[in-house]
C-alpha atoms as a PDB file:
ATOM      1  CA  MET A   1    -200.136  38.777  27.679  1.00  0.00           C
ATOM      2  CA  SER A   2    -201.439  42.360  27.547  1.00  0.00           C
ATOM      3  CA  VAL A   3    -201.653  44.331  24.312  1.00  0.00           C
ATOM      4  CA  SER A   4    -198.956  46.676  25.606  1.00  0.00           C
ATOM      5  CA  GLY A   5    -196.680  43.840  26.629  1.00  0.00           C
ATOM      6  CA  LYS A   6    -197.137  42.095  23.309  1.00  0.00           C
ATOM      7  CA  ARG A   7    -196.382  45.276  21.355  1.00  0.00           C
ATOM      8  CA  ILE A   8    -193.272  46.036  23.386  1.00  0.00           C
ATOM      9  CA  LYS A   9    -192.026  42.477  22.914  1.00  0.00           C
ATOM     10  CA  ASN A  10    -192.709  42.598  19.164  1.00  0.00           C
ATOM     11  CA  LEU A  11    -190.965  45.955  18.779  1.00  0.00           C
ATOM     12  CA  ARG A  12    -187.994  44.705  20.794  1.00  0.00           C
ATOM     13  CA  GLU A  13    -187.733  41.541  18.712  1.00  0.00           C
ATOM     14  CA  GLU A  14    -188.009  43.530  15.465  1.00  0.00           C
ATOM     15  CA  ARG A  15    -184.894  45.387  16.590  1.00  0.00           C
ATOM     16  CA  GLY A  16    -183.153  42.094  17.301  1.00  0.00           C
ATOM     17  CA  LEU A  17    -182.723  42.859  20.992  1.00  0.00           C
ATOM     18  CA  SER A  18    -182.841  40.346  23.779  1.00  0.00           C
ATOM     19  CA  GLN A  19    -184.860  41.250  26.826  1.00  0.00           C
ATOM     20  CA  LEU A  20    -181.662  41.759  28.810  1.00  0.00           C
ATOM     21  CA  GLU A  21    -180.067  43.980  26.140  1.00  0.00           C
ATOM     22  CA  PHE A  22    -183.178  46.120  25.847  1.00  0.00           C
ATOM     23  CA  ALA A  23    -183.614  46.447  29.609  1.00  0.00           C
ATOM     24  CA  GLU A  24    -180.011  47.613  29.939  1.00  0.00           C
ATOM     25  CA  ARG A  25    -180.399  50.160  27.124  1.00  0.00           C
ATOM     26  CA  ILE A  26    -183.448  51.788  28.713  1.00  0.00           C
ATOM     27  CA  GLY A  27    -182.203  51.540  32.299  1.00  0.00           C
ATOM     28  CA  MET A  28    -184.819  49.092  33.515  1.00  0.00           C
ATOM     29  CA  SER A  29    -184.355  45.854  35.378  1.00  0.00           C
ATOM     30  CA  ASN A  30    -184.811  42.770  33.258  1.00  0.00           C
ATOM     31  CA  SER A  31    -187.332  41.336  35.720  1.00  0.00           C
ATOM     32  CA  VAL A  32    -189.535  44.452  35.453  1.00  0.00           C
ATOM     33  CA  LEU A  33    -189.374  44.332  31.648  1.00  0.00           C
ATOM     34  CA  SER A  34    -190.221  40.634  31.706  1.00  0.00           C
ATOM     35  CA  ARG A  35    -193.283  41.261  33.871  1.00  0.00           C
ATOM     36  CA  ILE A  36    -194.422  44.132  31.618  1.00  0.00           C
ATOM     37  CA  GLU A  37    -194.042  42.041  28.463  1.00  0.00           C
ATOM     38  CA  SER A  38    -195.923  39.132  30.016  1.00  0.00           C
ATOM     39  CA  GLY A  39    -198.736  41.386  31.255  1.00  0.00           C
ATOM     40  CA  LYS A  40    -198.034  40.636  34.914  1.00  0.00           C
ATOM     41  CA  ARG A  41    -197.188  44.282  35.656  1.00  0.00           C
ATOM     42  CA  PRO A  42    -198.868  47.412  34.284  1.00  0.00           C
ATOM     43  CA  ILE A  43    -196.813  50.030  32.523  1.00  0.00           C
ATOM     44  CA  GLU A  44    -196.278  53.249  34.421  1.00  0.00           C
ATOM     45  CA  ASP A  45    -196.810  56.582  32.668  1.00  0.00           C
ATOM     46  CA  ASN A  46    -193.116  57.456  32.466  1.00  0.00           C
ATOM     47  CA  GLU A  47    -192.369  54.012  31.031  1.00  0.00           C
ATOM     48  CA  ILE A  48    -194.822  54.551  28.173  1.00  0.00           C
ATOM     49  CA  ASN A  49    -192.721  57.533  27.138  1.00  0.00           C
ATOM     50  CA  ILE A  50    -189.500  55.555  27.435  1.00  0.00           C
ATOM     51  CA  PHE A  51    -190.814  52.771  25.193  1.00  0.00           C
ATOM     52  CA  ALA A  52    -192.417  55.168  22.698  1.00  0.00           C
ATOM     53  CA  ASP A  53    -189.270  57.275  22.416  1.00  0.00           C
ATOM     54  CA  PHE A  54    -186.967  54.282  22.071  1.00  0.00           C
ATOM     55  CA  PHE A  55    -189.036  52.643  19.335  1.00  0.00           C
ATOM     56  CA  GLU A  56    -190.124  55.946  17.733  1.00  0.00           C
ATOM     57  CA  VAL A  57    -193.819  55.078  17.993  1.00  0.00           C
ATOM     58  CA  SER A  58    -196.763  56.779  19.668  1.00  0.00           C
ATOM     59  CA  GLY A  59    -197.743  56.118  23.238  1.00  0.00           C
ATOM     60  CA  ASP A  60    -201.179  55.220  21.904  1.00  0.00           C
ATOM     61  CA  TYR A  61    -199.610  52.451  19.847  1.00  0.00           C
ATOM     62  CA  ILE A  62    -197.822  51.091  22.929  1.00  0.00           C
ATOM     63  CA  LEU A  63    -201.097  51.151  24.878  1.00  0.00           C
ATOM     64  CA  GLY A  64    -203.040  49.415  22.128  1.00  0.00           C
ATOM     65  CA  ARG A  65    -205.223  52.473  21.482  1.00  0.00           C
ATOM     66  CA  SER A  66    -204.018  52.825  17.891  1.00  0.00           C
ATOM     67  CA  ILE A  67    -202.919  50.476  15.140  1.00  0.00           C
ATOM     68  CA  SER A  68    -200.765  53.229  13.669  1.00  0.00           C
ATOM     69  CA  ARG A  69    -197.243  53.354  14.964  1.00  0.00           C
ATOM     70  CA  THR A  70    -196.730  56.991  14.050  1.00  0.00           C
ATOM     71  CA  PRO A  71    -197.485  59.664  16.611  1.00  0.00           C
ATOM     72  CA  SER A  72    -200.840  61.352  16.034  1.00  0.00           C
ATOM     73  CA  GLY A  73    -199.565  64.808  16.895  1.00  0.00           C
ATOM     74  CA  GLY A  74    -199.092  65.831  13.286  1.00  0.00           C
ATOM     75  CA  SER A  75    -196.263  63.794  11.892  1.00  0.00           C
ATOM     76  CA  ALA A  76    -196.656  63.890   8.126  1.00  0.00           C
ATOM     77  CA  TYR A  77    -193.653  61.723   7.427  1.00  0.00           C
ATOM     78  CA  MET A  78    -194.039  57.988   7.713  1.00  0.00           C
ATOM     79  CA  ASP A  79    -190.335  57.210   7.895  1.00  0.00           C
ATOM     80  CA  GLY A  80    -189.805  59.081  11.150  1.00  0.00           C
ATOM     81  CA  GLY A  81    -188.339  62.013   9.260  1.00  0.00           C
ATOM     82  CA  LYS A  82    -185.172  60.227   8.204  1.00  0.00           C
ATOM     83  CA  GLY A  83    -183.539  62.343   5.527  1.00  0.00           C
ATOM     84  CA  TRP A  84    -185.861  65.306   6.143  1.00  0.00           C
ATOM     85  CA  THR A  85    -184.472  68.694   7.131  1.00  0.00           C
ATOM     86  CA  GLU A  86    -185.964  70.427  10.155  1.00  0.00           C
ATOM     87  CA  GLU A  87    -187.531  72.972   7.824  1.00  0.00           C
ATOM     88  CA  GLU A  88    -189.178  70.214   5.753  1.00  0.00           C
ATOM     89  CA  LYS A  89    -190.555  68.609   8.917  1.00  0.00           C
ATOM     90  CA  GLN A  90    -191.967  71.931  10.108  1.00  0.00           C
ATOM     91  CA  VAL A  91    -193.601  72.617   6.729  1.00  0.00           C
ATOM     92  CA  ALA A  92    -195.107  69.119   6.591  1.00  0.00           C
ATOM     93  CA  ASP A  93    -196.408  69.374  10.154  1.00  0.00           C
ATOM     94  CA  ALA A  94    -197.897  72.830   9.459  1.00  0.00           C
ATOM     95  CA  ALA A  95    -199.615  71.549   6.307  1.00  0.00           C
ATOM     96  CA  ILE A  96    -201.161  68.615   8.173  1.00  0.00           C
ATOM     97  CA  GLN A  97    -202.301  70.883  11.004  1.00  0.00           C
ATOM     98  CA  ALA A  98    -203.892  73.320   8.519  1.00  0.00           C
ATOM     99  CA  TRP A  99    -205.653  70.435   6.775  1.00  0.00           C
ATOM    100  CA  ARG A 100    -206.981  69.130  10.092  1.00  0.00           C
ATOM    101  CA  GLU A 101    -208.318  72.572  11.011  1.00  0.00           C
ATOM    102  CA  MET A 102    -210.024  72.862   7.623  1.00  0.00           C
ATOM    103  CA  LYS A 103    -211.647  69.429   8.031  1.00  0.00           C
ATOM    104  CA  LYS A 104    -212.775  70.323  11.554  1.00  0.00           C
ATOM    105  CA  LYS A 105    -214.436  73.524  10.318  1.00  0.00           C
ATOM    106  CA  GLN A 106    -216.119  71.634   7.488  1.00  0.00           C
ATOM    107  CA  GLN A 107    -217.483  69.088   9.954  1.00  0.00           C
ATOM    108  CA  GLU A 108    -218.726  71.830  12.277  1.00  0.00           C
ATOM    109  CA  GLN A 109    -220.581  73.478   9.386  1.00  0.00           C
ATOM    110  CA  GLN A 110    -222.152  70.169   8.382  1.00  0.00           C
ATOM    111  CA  ASP A 111    -223.266  69.553  11.962  1.00  0.00           C
ATOM    112  CA  LYS A 112    -225.196  72.877  12.069  1.00  0.00           C
END
């Protein structure tokens, strides 16, 4: 079983979905999903997005490139933003982005 297949299967099972139920919900044939989960078929680019969006995780997590489920694009909220207003999400994302820029500049100065 591939890392991606294992992660998709685990995420699906965490949601209490059968393979057939999940395949129907994302508009994929059950046989294709079965082959992806078992590692017999690679995941196509558009499918990574489908899985990541459905499970609210990063594509990197699906691919096994990250152990963090949260997207790395600046999400400061670990609960997926449940209960956060759009303004709160924007402020949190801006704060994280500013912090990242500051750390990058500090690293660049240290490297000189």
